Amino acid sequence: MKYFSIFFLIVSGLVTIRSKASPGRDTIIVKHTTAFELTGGGESEQWKAATWNIIQQRRDTLNKRETKFKTLYSGKGIYFLFSNQDEVLTASKASDFDSLWLEDVNEAWIKTLFSGILIGASLMLTPAFILFLFGAVQWRVNTIDYSSIVSVTFLFVSIAVAEELLFRGFIFQRLISGIGQWKAQLIIGGLFLLTHLNNPGMTGIIKAFASINIFLASIMFGLAFIRTKSLSMPIGLHFMANWVQGVVLGFGVSGNEQTSILKPGYLSCLHALFHLFAR
């Protein structure tokens, strides 16, 4: 915890220094207007006094569609008018205070979440299948305690959400904007490694191999965020990799054993590679 605190202070200092050195953003002028009825189509005369503000697109996007907005304010509130060229939005909500988050934006979040879940499962199942083919390991079905499986599953969900918010959330994103993607990746990878150095069984050669694995896992989660600009994919990746490794295959996660559906039986020294990197 001491090393984590020191590392956190250093990273926080880098973020603060870089933020003070960064040039200010463009200012958006919001004009005052008399109160008017919103129709959703922008026909009101008051909108003519406002100018369009272009929303910058992601550099890696393939869909070069313009999105822009206008904004005004009156004694009754702030008004926004959005215009975009995306023809595939499927939002059906038309009433004030309706659950807009259940619509198209949420569809994209769920899609990347499940993409992360599928990739995370593949990352664990593929090497396990290879070990099985080479006769290095075999599994037998455990006596399943369903309540324990549910409890461990909730635990892994909580760990994935908490760690991704911490390591791929505000600090990581500020570092990317301040010092670039790969420098941010290296710093956060080091922080991620430091928080796992005291995992059970982290000694000797196991510690060396497991440290490499933990650092590379952080880089992978970071790339998932950079590629999607969303925490949903790294959360899905993180959760499912841990869940398949621990709950399905029966390998300890972060050096800790837990209730599992299958119990591994090692038949040769080849299992060491998987077992070490499963730390």
Protein backbone atom coordinates (compact mmCIF):
# COMPACT_ATOMS: atom_id res chain seq x y z
CA MET A 1 0.00 0.00 0.00
CA LYS A 2 2.96 2.33 0.72
CA TYR A 3 4.28 1.92 -2.83
CA PHE A 4 0.80 2.37 -4.26
CA SER A 5 0.40 5.69 -2.39
CA ILE A 6 3.78 6.99 -3.59
CA PHE A 7 3.04 5.97 -7.17
CA PHE A 8 -0.43 7.56 -6.99
CA LEU A 9 1.07 10.87 -5.81
CA ILE A 10 3.60 10.86 -8.65
CA VAL A 11 0.93 10.17 -11.25
CA SER A 12 -1.37 12.82 -9.76
CA GLY A 13 1.48 15.32 -9.97
CA LEU A 14 2.09 14.52 -13.62
CA VAL A 15 -1.59 14.96 -14.42
CA THR A 16 -1.75 18.30 -12.56
CA ILE A 17 1.43 19.71 -14.09
CA ARG A 18 0.41 18.72 -17.58
CA SER A 19 -3.08 20.12 -17.12
CA LYS A 20 -1.69 23.53 -16.11
CA ALA A 21 0.60 23.54 -19.11
CA SER A 22 -2.11 22.62 -21.61
CA PRO A 23 -3.71 25.39 -23.67
CA GLY A 24 -7.28 26.33 -22.82
CA ARG A 25 -10.20 25.00 -24.78
CA ASP A 26 -12.33 27.12 -27.10
CA THR A 27 -15.04 29.11 -25.32
CA ILE A 28 -18.67 28.56 -26.24
CA ILE A 29 -20.81 31.71 -26.01
CA VAL A 30 -24.34 30.99 -24.75
CA LYS A 31 -26.73 33.83 -25.60
CA HIS A 32 -29.75 34.90 -23.58
CA THR A 33 -33.20 34.56 -25.11
CA THR A 34 -36.83 34.89 -24.17
CA ALA A 35 -38.52 31.67 -23.12
CA PHE A 36 -39.94 29.66 -26.01
CA GLU A 37 -41.54 26.29 -26.72
CA LEU A 38 -39.26 23.44 -27.77
CA THR A 39 -40.53 21.53 -30.79
CA GLY A 40 -37.54 19.29 -31.45
CA GLY A 41 -37.13 20.50 -35.03
CA GLY A 42 -35.35 23.81 -34.52
CA GLU A 43 -38.10 25.90 -36.18
CA SER A 44 -38.33 28.52 -33.44
CA GLU A 45 -37.11 32.01 -34.37
CA GLN A 46 -34.94 32.19 -31.27
CA TRP A 47 -32.58 29.54 -32.65
CA LYS A 48 -31.52 31.94 -35.43
CA ALA A 49 -29.59 34.00 -32.86
CA ALA A 50 -27.43 31.00 -31.87
CA THR A 51 -24.49 29.63 -33.84
CA TRP A 52 -23.73 25.98 -34.51
CA ASN A 53 -20.90 24.36 -32.51
CA ILE A 54 -19.25 21.39 -34.23
CA ILE A 55 -18.57 18.37 -32.03
CA GLN A 56 -15.14 16.94 -32.86
CA GLN A 57 -15.20 13.33 -34.01
CA ARG A 58 -12.88 10.55 -32.91
CA ARG A 59 -9.83 10.36 -35.14
CA ASP A 60 -10.20 6.62 -35.71
CA THR A 61 -13.86 6.68 -36.71
CA LEU A 62 -14.79 5.45 -40.17
CA ASN A 63 -18.12 7.29 -40.22
CA LYS A 64 -17.35 10.90 -41.08
CA ARG A 65 -20.76 12.32 -40.18
CA GLU A 66 -21.07 15.86 -38.84
CA THR A 67 -22.60 16.37 -35.41
CA LYS A 68 -23.31 19.88 -34.13
CA PHE A 69 -25.36 21.74 -31.54
CA LYS A 70 -26.76 25.14 -30.58
CA THR A 71 -27.46 26.35 -27.06
CA LEU A 72 -29.39 29.27 -25.53
CA TYR A 73 -30.59 30.17 -22.06
CA SER A 74 -33.55 32.01 -20.57
CA GLY A 75 -35.02 32.59 -17.16
CA LYS A 76 -36.63 29.15 -17.40
CA GLY A 77 -33.57 27.08 -18.26
CA ILE A 78 -30.95 26.10 -20.83
CA TYR A 79 -31.95 25.00 -24.35
CA PHE A 80 -30.03 22.63 -26.62
CA LEU A 81 -30.58 21.82 -30.27
CA PHE A 82 -28.63 18.91 -31.76
CA SER A 83 -28.15 18.00 -35.41
CA ASN A 84 -26.33 14.95 -36.75
CA GLN A 85 -26.05 12.96 -39.97
CA ASP A 86 -26.27 9.52 -38.36
CA GLU A 87 -29.20 7.76 -39.99
CA VAL A 88 -29.11 4.60 -37.87
CA LEU A 89 -30.14 5.99 -34.46
CA THR A 90 -33.03 3.94 -33.14
CA ALA A 91 -34.15 6.00 -30.14
CA SER A 92 -37.93 5.85 -29.80
CA LYS A 93 -38.31 8.00 -26.68
CA ALA A 94 -40.25 11.21 -27.41
CA SER A 95 -41.38 12.43 -23.96
CA ASP A 96 -39.58 14.69 -21.50
CA PHE A 97 -37.72 12.86 -18.70
CA ASP A 98 -38.04 9.54 -20.52
CA SER A 99 -35.39 6.79 -20.22
CA LEU A 100 -33.20 7.88 -23.14
CA TRP A 101 -30.25 5.87 -21.77
CA LEU A 102 -32.12 2.69 -22.73
CA GLU A 103 -31.90 3.64 -26.38
CA ASP A 104 -29.19 3.78 -29.06
CA VAL A 105 -26.32 4.98 -26.86
CA ASN A 106 -26.89 2.07 -24.51
CA GLU A 107 -26.93 -0.37 -27.45
CA ALA A 108 -23.35 0.59 -28.31
CA TRP A 109 -22.22 0.21 -24.70
CA ILE A 110 -23.75 -3.26 -24.39
CA LYS A 111 -22.24 -4.31 -27.73
CA THR A 112 -18.69 -3.45 -26.64
CA LEU A 113 -19.31 -5.02 -23.22
CA PHE A 114 -20.24 -8.36 -24.79
CA SER A 115 -17.35 -8.08 -27.25
CA GLY A 116 -15.04 -7.78 -24.25
CA ILE A 117 -16.73 -10.76 -22.59
CA LEU A 118 -16.21 -12.94 -25.68
CA ILE A 119 -12.56 -11.90 -26.05
CA GLY A 120 -11.90 -12.46 -22.34
CA ALA A 121 -13.35 -15.96 -22.49
CA SER A 122 -11.29 -16.78 -25.60
CA LEU A 123 -8.07 -15.58 -23.93
CA MET A 124 -8.52 -18.17 -21.17
CA LEU A 125 -10.15 -21.04 -23.05
CA THR A 126 -7.71 -21.11 -25.97
CA PRO A 127 -4.50 -21.83 -23.96
CA ALA A 128 -6.45 -24.21 -21.71
CA PHE A 129 -7.59 -26.17 -24.77
CA ILE A 130 -4.01 -26.29 -26.09
CA LEU A 131 -2.76 -27.64 -22.76
CA PHE A 132 -5.51 -30.26 -22.85
CA LEU A 133 -4.55 -31.34 -26.39
CA PHE A 134 -0.89 -31.74 -25.37
CA GLY A 135 -1.88 -33.82 -22.36
CA ALA A 136 -0.58 -31.29 -19.86
CA VAL A 137 -3.81 -30.97 -17.91
CA GLN A 138 -7.21 -32.58 -17.59
CA TRP A 139 -10.35 -31.52 -15.74
CA ARG A 140 -13.00 -33.23 -13.71
CA VAL A 141 -16.34 -31.72 -12.71
CA ASN A 142 -16.51 -30.45 -9.16
CA THR A 143 -19.49 -30.78 -6.85
CA ILE A 144 -21.06 -27.44 -7.69
CA ASP A 145 -22.12 -25.09 -4.91
CA TYR A 146 -24.37 -22.72 -6.84
CA SER A 147 -24.61 -20.11 -4.08
CA SER A 148 -20.81 -19.91 -3.93
CA ILE A 149 -20.60 -19.62 -7.73
CA VAL A 150 -23.06 -16.70 -7.65
CA SER A 151 -21.12 -15.01 -4.81
CA VAL A 152 -17.79 -15.37 -6.62
CA THR A 153 -19.35 -14.10 -9.84
CA PHE A 154 -20.59 -10.94 -8.10
CA LEU A 155 -17.14 -10.55 -6.56
CA PHE A 156 -15.45 -10.73 -9.97
CA VAL A 157 -17.94 -8.23 -11.42
CA SER A 158 -17.17 -5.83 -8.56
CA ILE A 159 -13.41 -6.26 -8.99
CA ALA A 160 -13.57 -5.68 -12.75
CA VAL A 161 -15.71 -2.54 -12.44
CA ALA A 162 -13.69 -1.09 -9.55
CA GLU A 163 -10.26 -1.76 -11.08
CA GLU A 164 -11.23 -0.49 -14.53
CA LEU A 165 -12.71 2.69 -13.06
CA LEU A 166 -9.47 3.20 -11.14
CA PHE A 167 -6.92 2.20 -13.78
CA ARG A 168 -8.67 3.06 -17.06
CA GLY A 169 -10.85 5.86 -15.69
CA PHE A 170 -10.05 9.50 -14.94
CA ILE A 171 -6.29 9.23 -14.30
CA PHE A 172 -5.60 7.13 -17.40
CA GLN A 173 -7.71 9.37 -19.61
CA ARG A 174 -6.07 12.54 -18.29
CA LEU A 175 -2.63 11.02 -18.82
CA ILE A 176 -3.52 10.14 -22.42
CA SER A 177 -4.59 13.71 -23.14
CA GLY A 178 -1.51 15.07 -21.37
CA ILE A 179 1.45 12.84 -22.30
CA GLY A 180 0.13 10.44 -24.97
CA GLN A 181 -1.22 6.91 -25.13
CA TRP A 182 1.90 4.78 -24.69
CA LYS A 183 3.44 6.81 -21.87
CA ALA A 184 0.07 6.63 -20.12
CA GLN A 185 -0.05 2.88 -20.75
CA LEU A 186 3.39 2.36 -19.19
CA ILE A 187 2.58 4.45 -16.11
CA ILE A 188 -0.79 2.80 -15.48
CA GLY A 189 0.71 -0.62 -16.23
CA GLY A 190 3.28 0.00 -13.51
CA LEU A 191 0.56 1.13 -11.10
CA PHE A 192 -1.57 -1.92 -11.93
CA LEU A 193 1.44 -4.18 -11.29
CA LEU A 194 2.27 -2.53 -7.96
CA THR A 195 -1.23 -3.17 -6.61
CA HIS A 196 -0.89 -6.90 -7.42
CA LEU A 197 2.67 -7.52 -6.21
CA ASN A 198 1.51 -8.82 -2.82
CA ASN A 199 -0.84 -11.44 -4.27
CA PRO A 200 -0.56 -14.84 -2.52
CA GLY A 201 2.23 -16.98 -3.95
CA MET A 202 4.08 -14.06 -5.58
CA THR A 203 7.62 -15.26 -4.82
CA GLY A 204 10.67 -16.28 -6.83
CA ILE A 205 10.21 -17.27 -10.47
CA ILE A 206 6.43 -17.19 -10.07
CA LYS A 207 6.64 -13.50 -9.19
CA ALA A 208 8.72 -12.74 -12.29
CA PHE A 209 6.39 -14.50 -14.74
CA ALA A 210 3.24 -13.29 -13.02
CA SER A 211 4.50 -9.68 -13.04
CA ILE A 212 4.97 -9.84 -16.81
CA ASN A 213 1.47 -11.24 -17.20
CA ILE A 214 -0.12 -8.58 -14.98
CA PHE A 215 1.67 -5.76 -16.81
CA LEU A 216 0.64 -7.11 -20.23
CA ALA A 217 -2.95 -7.51 -19.00
CA SER A 218 -3.00 -3.83 -18.09
CA ILE A 219 -1.72 -2.91 -21.56
CA MET A 220 -4.46 -5.06 -23.12
CA PHE A 221 -7.20 -3.45 -21.00
CA GLY A 222 -5.80 -0.03 -21.90
CA LEU A 223 -5.85 -0.85 -25.62
CA ALA A 224 -9.47 -1.96 -25.27
CA PHE A 225 -10.35 1.46 -23.85
CA ILE A 226 -8.29 3.37 -26.44
CA ARG A 227 -9.91 1.43 -29.28
CA THR A 228 -13.51 1.87 -28.11
CA LYS A 229 -13.30 5.08 -26.02
CA SER A 230 -15.46 3.23 -23.50
CA LEU A 231 -14.87 1.34 -20.26
CA SER A 232 -17.41 -1.31 -21.23
CA MET A 233 -14.95 -3.44 -23.25
CA PRO A 234 -12.14 -3.50 -20.64
CA ILE A 235 -14.72 -4.27 -17.94
CA GLY A 236 -16.06 -7.18 -20.01
CA LEU A 237 -12.54 -8.41 -20.77
CA HIS A 238 -11.39 -8.17 -17.17
CA PHE A 239 -14.45 -9.83 -15.68
CA MET A 240 -14.68 -12.75 -18.09
CA ALA A 241 -10.96 -13.52 -18.09
CA ASN A 242 -11.04 -13.76 -14.30
CA TRP A 243 -14.34 -15.67 -14.26
CA VAL A 244 -13.33 -18.31 -16.82
CA GLN A 245 -9.88 -18.70 -15.26
CA GLY A 246 -11.22 -19.11 -11.73
CA VAL A 247 -14.86 -20.21 -11.77
CA VAL A 248 -14.81 -22.37 -14.91
CA LEU A 249 -11.26 -23.75 -15.20
CA GLY A 250 -10.41 -23.85 -11.51
CA PHE A 251 -7.11 -21.94 -11.69
CA GLY A 252 -6.49 -19.47 -8.89
CA VAL A 253 -7.10 -15.81 -9.73
CA SER A 254 -4.45 -13.45 -8.32
CA GLY A 255 -3.13 -16.37 -6.30
CA ASN A 256 -6.46 -17.00 -4.58
CA GLU A 257 -8.43 -20.23 -4.89
CA GLN A 258 -12.22 -20.09 -5.20
CA THR A 259 -15.21 -22.32 -5.86
CA SER A 260 -15.04 -23.64 -9.42
CA ILE A 261 -17.08 -25.73 -11.84
CA LEU A 262 -14.04 -27.75 -12.98
CA LYS A 263 -11.00 -28.95 -11.07
CA PRO A 264 -7.72 -29.19 -12.99
CA GLY A 265 -5.40 -32.16 -12.72
CA TYR A 266 -1.84 -31.62 -13.95
CA LEU A 267 -0.22 -34.38 -15.99
CA SER A 268 3.12 -32.81 -16.94
CA CYS A 269 5.39 -29.84 -16.26
CA LEU A 270 3.83 -27.94 -19.19
CA HIS A 271 1.05 -26.85 -16.86
CA ALA A 272 3.52 -24.53 -15.14
CA LEU A 273 3.35 -22.05 -18.02
CA PHE A 274 -0.40 -21.65 -17.72
CA HIS A 275 -0.40 -21.78 -13.93
CA LEU A 276 2.31 -19.14 -13.62
CA PHE A 277 0.65 -16.79 -16.07
CA ALA A 278 -2.71 -17.32 -14.37
CA ARG A 279 -1.45 -15.34 -11.43
